[in-house]
Amino acid sequence: MSRIPHRPLTFSKNDRFNETNWVIFKNLVTITAKMRGAMKYLDSSIKKPTTSTKLAKPANLNKPTTKPKTTTVIITSKPTS
């Protein structure tokens, strides 16, 4: 079974859950999850992590690895000689 590239899942306005279309909506979600290889998350084949499971600390991607160079600009209204 081929997989669809990962992109956000969206349904048309008519296919969105509206409290009256549960069976149709459930089937759409199931088909989509199977196509994307995510069905094991929905059918509980992949177990929920225990509370003792610790997540790795994410790397700080915003922190610069080197100190940035700074430049001071002085603007005056009088010309300098």
PDB file of N, CA and C in Angstrom:
ATOM      1  N   MET A   1       0.845  -1.176   0.000  1.00  0.00           N
ATOM      2  CA  MET A   1       0.000   0.000   0.000  1.00  0.00           C
ATOM      3  C   MET A   1       0.893   1.242   0.000  1.00  0.00           C
ATOM      4  N   SER A   2       0.672   2.143  -0.952  1.00  0.00           N
ATOM      5  CA  SER A   2       1.483   3.364  -0.999  1.00  0.00           C
ATOM      6  C   SER A   2       0.987   4.375   0.026  1.00  0.00           C
ATOM      7  N   ARG A   3       1.893   5.226   0.444  1.00  0.00           N
ATOM      8  CA  ARG A   3       1.548   6.221   1.458  1.00  0.00           C
ATOM      9  C   ARG A   3       1.456   7.603   0.836  1.00  0.00           C
ATOM     10  N   ILE A   4       0.576   8.411   1.385  1.00  0.00           N
ATOM     11  CA  ILE A   4       0.413   9.796   0.963  1.00  0.00           C
ATOM     12  C   ILE A   4       1.466  10.627   1.693  1.00  0.00           C
ATOM     13  N   PRO A   5       2.078  11.621   1.032  1.00  0.00           N
ATOM     14  CA  PRO A   5       3.048  12.470   1.737  1.00  0.00           C
ATOM     15  C   PRO A   5       2.419  13.102   2.981  1.00  0.00           C
ATOM     16  N   HIS A   6       3.246  13.322   3.991  1.00  0.00           N
ATOM     17  CA  HIS A   6       2.738  13.891   5.236  1.00  0.00           C
ATOM     18  C   HIS A   6       2.385  15.359   5.043  1.00  0.00           C
ATOM     19  N   ARG A   7       1.160  15.657   5.247  1.00  0.00           N
ATOM     20  CA  ARG A   7       0.661  17.032   5.232  1.00  0.00           C
ATOM     21  C   ARG A   7      -0.561  17.052   6.138  1.00  0.00           C
ATOM     22  N   PRO A   8      -0.964  18.208   6.588  1.00  0.00           N
ATOM     23  CA  PRO A   8      -2.111  18.252   7.518  1.00  0.00           C
ATOM     24  C   PRO A   8      -3.358  17.617   6.906  1.00  0.00           C
ATOM     25  N   LEU A   9      -4.063  16.894   7.745  1.00  0.00           N
ATOM     26  CA  LEU A   9      -5.280  16.221   7.305  1.00  0.00           C
ATOM     27  C   LEU A   9      -6.435  17.214   7.339  1.00  0.00           C
ATOM     28  N   THR A  10      -7.108  17.361   6.230  1.00  0.00           N
ATOM     29  CA  THR A  10      -8.288  18.221   6.174  1.00  0.00           C
ATOM     30  C   THR A  10      -9.390  17.489   5.419  1.00  0.00           C
ATOM     31  N   PHE A  11     -10.590  17.681   5.882  1.00  0.00           N
ATOM     32  CA  PHE A  11     -11.751  17.133   5.201  1.00  0.00           C
ATOM     33  C   PHE A  11     -12.557  18.293   4.631  1.00  0.00           C
ATOM     34  N   SER A  12     -13.304  18.010   3.571  1.00  0.00           N
ATOM     35  CA  SER A  12     -14.165  19.048   3.012  1.00  0.00           C
ATOM     36  C   SER A  12     -15.230  19.420   4.053  1.00  0.00           C
ATOM     37  N   LYS A  13     -15.853  20.541   3.865  1.00  0.00           N
ATOM     38  CA  LYS A  13     -16.859  21.016   4.817  1.00  0.00           C
ATOM     39  C   LYS A  13     -17.971  19.980   5.010  1.00  0.00           C
ATOM     40  N   ASN A  14     -18.356  19.290   3.948  1.00  0.00           N
ATOM     41  CA  ASN A  14     -19.419  18.284   4.035  1.00  0.00           C
ATOM     42  C   ASN A  14     -18.981  17.024   4.777  1.00  0.00           C
ATOM     43  N   ASP A  15     -17.676  16.745   4.798  1.00  0.00           N
ATOM     44  CA  ASP A  15     -17.173  15.524   5.420  1.00  0.00           C
ATOM     45  C   ASP A  15     -16.745  15.714   6.878  1.00  0.00           C
ATOM     46  N   ARG A  16     -16.731  16.935   7.371  1.00  0.00           N
ATOM     47  CA  ARG A  16     -16.340  17.173   8.757  1.00  0.00           C
ATOM     48  C   ARG A  16     -17.395  16.641   9.714  1.00  0.00           C
ATOM     49  N   PHE A  17     -16.944  16.235  10.899  1.00  0.00           N
ATOM     50  CA  PHE A  17     -17.867  15.708  11.907  1.00  0.00           C
ATOM     51  C   PHE A  17     -18.831  16.794  12.358  1.00  0.00           C
ATOM     52  N   ASN A  18     -20.130  16.474  12.350  1.00  0.00           N
ATOM     53  CA  ASN A  18     -21.142  17.458  12.748  1.00  0.00           C
ATOM     54  C   ASN A  18     -22.200  16.865  13.684  1.00  0.00           C
ATOM     55  N   GLU A  19     -21.859  15.803  14.396  1.00  0.00           N
ATOM     56  CA  GLU A  19     -22.715  15.125  15.370  1.00  0.00           C
ATOM     57  C   GLU A  19     -23.843  14.305  14.744  1.00  0.00           C
ATOM     58  N   THR A  20     -24.001  14.367  13.435  1.00  0.00           N
ATOM     59  CA  THR A  20     -25.035  13.553  12.787  1.00  0.00           C
ATOM     60  C   THR A  20     -24.428  12.566  11.789  1.00  0.00           C
ATOM     61  N   ASN A  21     -23.131  12.655  11.542  1.00  0.00           N
ATOM     62  CA  ASN A  21     -22.501  11.826  10.513  1.00  0.00           C
ATOM     63  C   ASN A  21     -21.369  10.963  11.076  1.00  0.00           C
ATOM     64  N   TRP A  22     -21.542  10.436  12.284  1.00  0.00           N
ATOM     65  CA  TRP A  22     -20.472   9.694  12.942  1.00  0.00           C
ATOM     66  C   TRP A  22     -19.952   8.524  12.110  1.00  0.00           C
ATOM     67  N   VAL A  23     -20.825   7.710  11.547  1.00  0.00           N
ATOM     68  CA  VAL A  23     -20.399   6.521  10.816  1.00  0.00           C
ATOM     69  C   VAL A  23     -19.573   6.912   9.589  1.00  0.00           C
ATOM     70  N   ILE A  24     -20.027   7.883   8.841  1.00  0.00           N
ATOM     71  CA  ILE A  24     -19.299   8.335   7.648  1.00  0.00           C
ATOM     72  C   ILE A  24     -17.953   8.946   8.057  1.00  0.00           C
ATOM     73  N   PHE A  25     -17.967   9.804   9.075  1.00  0.00           N
ATOM     74  CA  PHE A  25     -16.738  10.444   9.532  1.00  0.00           C
ATOM     75  C   PHE A  25     -15.730   9.408  10.033  1.00  0.00           C
ATOM     76  N   LYS A  26     -16.202   8.437  10.819  1.00  0.00           N
ATOM     77  CA  LYS A  26     -15.322   7.383  11.340  1.00  0.00           C
ATOM     78  C   LYS A  26     -14.687   6.610  10.192  1.00  0.00           C
ATOM     79  N   ASN A  27     -15.455   6.285   9.167  1.00  0.00           N
ATOM     80  CA  ASN A  27     -14.911   5.561   8.013  1.00  0.00           C
ATOM     81  C   ASN A  27     -13.863   6.387   7.272  1.00  0.00           C
ATOM     82  N   LEU A  28     -14.101   7.689   7.116  1.00  0.00           N
ATOM     83  CA  LEU A  28     -13.120   8.558   6.465  1.00  0.00           C
ATOM     84  C   LEU A  28     -11.810   8.612   7.256  1.00  0.00           C
ATOM     85  N   VAL A  29     -11.912   8.733   8.577  1.00  0.00           N
ATOM     86  CA  VAL A  29     -10.724   8.773   9.417  1.00  0.00           C
ATOM     87  C   VAL A  29      -9.983   7.437   9.349  1.00  0.00           C
ATOM     88  N   THR A  30     -10.709   6.340   9.402  1.00  0.00           N
ATOM     89  CA  THR A  30     -10.087   5.015   9.343  1.00  0.00           C
ATOM     90  C   THR A  30      -9.353   4.805   8.020  1.00  0.00           C
ATOM     91  N   ILE A  31      -9.994   5.132   6.916  1.00  0.00           N
ATOM     92  CA  ILE A  31      -9.367   4.979   5.595  1.00  0.00           C
ATOM     93  C   ILE A  31      -8.110   5.839   5.506  1.00  0.00           C
ATOM     94  N   THR A  32      -8.214   7.081   5.961  1.00  0.00           N
ATOM     95  CA  THR A  32      -7.074   7.989   5.904  1.00  0.00           C
ATOM     96  C   THR A  32      -5.930   7.504   6.791  1.00  0.00           C
ATOM     97  N   ALA A  33      -6.245   7.028   7.988  1.00  0.00           N
ATOM     98  CA  ALA A  33      -5.212   6.520   8.896  1.00  0.00           C
ATOM     99  C   ALA A  33      -4.513   5.305   8.289  1.00  0.00           C
ATOM    100  N   LYS A  34      -5.250   4.420   7.650  1.00  0.00           N
ATOM    101  CA  LYS A  34      -4.643   3.256   6.997  1.00  0.00           C
ATOM    102  C   LYS A  34      -3.728   3.686   5.856  1.00  0.00           C
ATOM    103  N   MET A  35      -4.162   4.653   5.057  1.00  0.00           N
ATOM    104  CA  MET A  35      -3.356   5.131   3.935  1.00  0.00           C
ATOM    105  C   MET A  35      -2.061   5.788   4.408  1.00  0.00           C
ATOM    106  N   ARG A  36      -2.106   6.435   5.562  1.00  0.00           N
ATOM    107  CA  ARG A  36      -0.938   7.143   6.080  1.00  0.00           C
ATOM    108  C   ARG A  36      -0.100   6.303   7.042  1.00  0.00           C
ATOM    109  N   GLY A  37      -0.512   5.067   7.257  1.00  0.00           N
ATOM    110  CA  GLY A  37       0.248   4.200   8.141  1.00  0.00           C
ATOM    111  C   GLY A  37       0.100   4.550   9.606  1.00  0.00           C
ATOM    112  N   ALA A  38      -1.021   5.142   9.983  1.00  0.00           N
ATOM    113  CA  ALA A  38      -1.226   5.578  11.368  1.00  0.00           C
ATOM    114  C   ALA A  38      -2.304   4.770  12.083  1.00  0.00           C
ATOM    115  N   MET A  39      -2.783   3.723  11.487  1.00  0.00           N
ATOM    116  CA  MET A  39      -3.888   2.963  12.075  1.00  0.00           C
ATOM    117  C   MET A  39      -3.520   2.350  13.424  1.00  0.00           C
ATOM    118  N   LYS A  40      -2.258   1.974  13.616  1.00  0.00           N
ATOM    119  CA  LYS A  40      -1.844   1.372  14.887  1.00  0.00           C
ATOM    120  C   LYS A  40      -2.021   2.333  16.058  1.00  0.00           C
ATOM    121  N   TYR A  41      -1.990   3.635  15.776  1.00  0.00           N
ATOM    122  CA  TYR A  41      -2.227   4.614  16.837  1.00  0.00           C
ATOM    123  C   TYR A  41      -3.711   4.644  17.223  1.00  0.00           C
ATOM    124  N   LEU A  42      -4.582   4.435  16.250  1.00  0.00           N
ATOM    125  CA  LEU A  42      -6.016   4.494  16.519  1.00  0.00           C
ATOM    126  C   LEU A  42      -6.567   3.202  17.115  1.00  0.00           C
ATOM    127  N   ASP A  43      -6.004   2.056  16.718  1.00  0.00           N
ATOM    128  CA  ASP A  43      -6.543   0.787  17.228  1.00  0.00           C
ATOM    129  C   ASP A  43      -5.805   0.283  18.467  1.00  0.00           C
ATOM    130  N   SER A  44      -4.942   1.115  19.037  1.00  0.00           N
ATOM    131  CA  SER A  44      -4.196   0.828  20.280  1.00  0.00           C
ATOM    132  C   SER A  44      -3.160  -0.278  20.120  1.00  0.00           C
ATOM    133  N   SER A  45      -2.746  -0.591  18.893  1.00  0.00           N
ATOM    134  CA  SER A  45      -1.646  -1.542  18.704  1.00  0.00           C
ATOM    135  C   SER A  45      -0.361  -0.968  19.282  1.00  0.00           C
ATOM    136  N   ILE A  46      -0.207   0.358  19.168  1.00  0.00           N
ATOM    137  CA  ILE A  46       0.916   1.061  19.791  1.00  0.00           C
ATOM    138  C   ILE A  46       0.401   1.557  21.128  1.00  0.00           C
ATOM    139  N   LYS A  47       0.994   1.070  22.189  1.00  0.00           N
ATOM    140  CA  LYS A  47       0.518   1.374  23.544  1.00  0.00           C
ATOM    141  C   LYS A  47       0.881   2.798  23.965  1.00  0.00           C
ATOM    142  N   LYS A  48       0.040   3.368  24.797  1.00  0.00           N
ATOM    143  CA  LYS A  48       0.267   4.690  25.360  1.00  0.00           C
ATOM    144  C   LYS A  48       1.492   4.632  26.272  1.00  0.00           C
ATOM    145  N   PRO A  49       2.393   5.621  26.200  1.00  0.00           N
ATOM    146  CA  PRO A  49       3.563   5.603  27.078  1.00  0.00           C
ATOM    147  C   PRO A  49       3.143   5.677  28.545  1.00  0.00           C
ATOM    148  N   THR A  50       3.928   5.032  29.395  1.00  0.00           N
ATOM    149  CA  THR A  50       3.634   5.089  30.825  1.00  0.00           C
ATOM    150  C   THR A  50       4.050   6.445  31.371  1.00  0.00           C
ATOM    151  N   THR A  51       3.578   6.777  32.559  1.00  0.00           N
ATOM    152  CA  THR A  51       3.920   8.070  33.151  1.00  0.00           C
ATOM    153  C   THR A  51       5.393   8.139  33.513  1.00  0.00           C
ATOM    154  N   SER A  52       6.059   6.986  33.643  1.00  0.00           N
ATOM    155  CA  SER A  52       7.477   7.004  33.986  1.00  0.00           C
ATOM    156  C   SER A  52       8.368   7.200  32.765  1.00  0.00           C
ATOM    157  N   THR A  53       7.771   7.185  31.574  1.00  0.00           N
ATOM    158  CA  THR A  53       8.552   7.396  30.363  1.00  0.00           C
ATOM    159  C   THR A  53       9.017   8.848  30.323  1.00  0.00           C
ATOM    160  N   LYS A  54      10.325   9.035  30.178  1.00  0.00           N
ATOM    161  CA  LYS A  54      10.873  10.392  30.123  1.00  0.00           C
ATOM    162  C   LYS A  54      11.225  10.723  28.679  1.00  0.00           C
ATOM    163  N   LEU A  55      10.904  11.937  28.302  1.00  0.00           N
ATOM    164  CA  LEU A  55      11.230  12.396  26.965  1.00  0.00           C
ATOM    165  C   LEU A  55      12.611  13.029  26.970  1.00  0.00           C
ATOM    166  N   ALA A  56      13.313  12.889  25.875  1.00  0.00           N
ATOM    167  CA  ALA A  56      14.622  13.514  25.753  1.00  0.00           C
ATOM    168  C   ALA A  56      14.446  15.025  25.685  1.00  0.00           C
ATOM    169  N   LYS A  57      15.379  15.744  26.286  1.00  0.00           N
ATOM    170  CA  LYS A  57      15.318  17.197  26.257  1.00  0.00           C
ATOM    171  C   LYS A  57      15.643  17.658  24.839  1.00  0.00           C
ATOM    172  N   PRO A  58      14.758  18.465  24.227  1.00  0.00           N
ATOM    173  CA  PRO A  58      15.010  18.895  22.852  1.00  0.00           C
ATOM    174  C   PRO A  58      16.183  19.870  22.788  1.00  0.00           C
ATOM    175  N   ALA A  59      16.874  19.845  21.679  1.00  0.00           N
ATOM    176  CA  ALA A  59      17.984  20.777  21.481  1.00  0.00           C
ATOM    177  C   ALA A  59      17.425  22.181  21.313  1.00  0.00           C
ATOM    178  N   ASN A  60      18.144  23.156  21.828  1.00  0.00           N
ATOM    179  CA  ASN A  60      17.731  24.551  21.681  1.00  0.00           C
ATOM    180  C   ASN A  60      18.212  25.031  20.321  1.00  0.00           C
ATOM    181  N   LEU A  61      17.335  24.994  19.339  1.00  0.00           N
ATOM    182  CA  LEU A  61      17.709  25.353  17.980  1.00  0.00           C
ATOM    183  C   LEU A  61      17.818  26.855  17.774  1.00  0.00           C
ATOM    184  N   ASN A  62      17.261  27.633  18.685  1.00  0.00           N
ATOM    185  CA  ASN A  62      17.302  29.086  18.546  1.00  0.00           C
ATOM    186  C   ASN A  62      18.561  29.689  19.162  1.00  0.00           C
ATOM    187  N   LYS A  63      19.276  28.931  19.952  1.00  0.00           N
ATOM    188  CA  LYS A  63      20.461  29.438  20.623  1.00  0.00           C
ATOM    189  C   LYS A  63      21.634  29.457  19.640  1.00  0.00           C
ATOM    190  N   PRO A  64      22.254  30.628  19.425  1.00  0.00           N
ATOM    191  CA  PRO A  64      23.384  30.673  18.489  1.00  0.00           C
ATOM    192  C   PRO A  64      24.581  29.914  19.060  1.00  0.00           C
ATOM    193  N   THR A  65      25.332  29.291  18.182  1.00  0.00           N
ATOM    194  CA  THR A  65      26.494  28.532  18.629  1.00  0.00           C
ATOM    195  C   THR A  65      27.711  29.430  18.812  1.00  0.00           C
ATOM    196  N   THR A  66      27.730  30.566  18.162  1.00  0.00           N
ATOM    197  CA  THR A  66      28.827  31.522  18.329  1.00  0.00           C
ATOM    198  C   THR A  66      28.244  32.880  18.656  1.00  0.00           C
ATOM    199  N   LYS A  67      29.057  33.699  19.303  1.00  0.00           N
ATOM    200  CA  LYS A  67      28.602  35.036  19.664  1.00  0.00           C
ATOM    201  C   LYS A  67      28.536  35.889  18.398  1.00  0.00           C
ATOM    202  N   PRO A  68      27.405  36.538  18.149  1.00  0.00           N
ATOM    203  CA  PRO A  68      27.294  37.355  16.931  1.00  0.00           C
ATOM    204  C   PRO A  68      28.159  38.605  17.029  1.00  0.00           C
ATOM    205  N   LYS A  69      28.669  39.037  15.886  1.00  0.00           N
ATOM    206  CA  LYS A  69      29.457  40.270  15.832  1.00  0.00           C
ATOM    207  C   LYS A  69      28.502  41.447  15.857  1.00  0.00           C
ATOM    208  N   THR A  70      28.867  42.486  16.590  1.00  0.00           N
ATOM    209  CA  THR A  70      28.012  43.672  16.665  1.00  0.00           C
ATOM    210  C   THR A  70      28.715  44.850  16.036  1.00  0.00           C
ATOM    211  N   THR A  71      27.945  45.719  15.472  1.00  0.00           N
ATOM    212  CA  THR A  71      28.456  46.942  14.867  1.00  0.00           C
ATOM    213  C   THR A  71      27.668  48.106  15.427  1.00  0.00           C
ATOM    214  N   THR A  72      28.379  49.153  15.825  1.00  0.00           N
ATOM    215  CA  THR A  72      27.716  50.345  16.338  1.00  0.00           C
ATOM    216  C   THR A  72      27.704  51.397  15.243  1.00  0.00           C
ATOM    217  N   VAL A  73      26.549  51.934  14.966  1.00  0.00           N
ATOM    218  CA  VAL A  73      26.406  52.973  13.956  1.00  0.00           C
ATOM    219  C   VAL A  73      26.001  54.245  14.674  1.00  0.00           C
ATOM    220  N   ILE A  74      26.740  55.328  14.416  1.00  0.00           N
ATOM    221  CA  ILE A  74      26.420  56.632  15.023  1.00  0.00           C
ATOM    222  C   ILE A  74      25.924  57.537  13.916  1.00  0.00           C
ATOM    223  N   ILE A  75      24.738  58.076  14.114  1.00  0.00           N
ATOM    224  CA  ILE A  75      24.138  58.970  13.131  1.00  0.00           C
ATOM    225  C   ILE A  75      24.030  60.352  13.766  1.00  0.00           C
ATOM    226  N   THR A  76      24.600  61.344  13.095  1.00  0.00           N
ATOM    227  CA  THR A  76      24.525  62.722  13.601  1.00  0.00           C
ATOM    228  C   THR A  76      23.984  63.611  12.507  1.00  0.00           C
ATOM    229  N   SER A  77      23.522  64.785  12.924  1.00  0.00           N
ATOM    230  CA  SER A  77      23.007  65.729  11.926  1.00  0.00           C
ATOM    231  C   SER A  77      24.117  66.627  11.382  1.00  0.00           C
ATOM    232  N   LYS A  78      25.264  66.670  12.087  1.00  0.00           N
ATOM    233  CA  LYS A  78      26.390  67.488  11.620  1.00  0.00           C
ATOM    234  C   LYS A  78      27.412  66.609  10.933  1.00  0.00           C
ATOM    235  N   PRO A  79      27.942  67.084   9.803  1.00  0.00           N
ATOM    236  CA  PRO A  79      28.963  66.301   9.142  1.00  0.00           C
ATOM    237  C   PRO A  79      30.240  66.245   9.984  1.00  0.00           C
ATOM    238  N   THR A  80      30.958  65.143   9.922  1.00  0.00           N
ATOM    239  CA  THR A  80      32.227  65.020  10.638  1.00  0.00           C
ATOM    240  C   THR A  80      33.371  65.332   9.710  1.00  0.00           C
ATOM    241  N   SER A  81      34.483  65.858  10.287  1.00  0.00           N
ATOM    242  CA  SER A  81      35.620  66.213   9.423  1.00  0.00           C
ATOM    243  C   SER A  81      36.689  65.168   9.496  1.00  0.00           C
TER     244      SER A  81
END
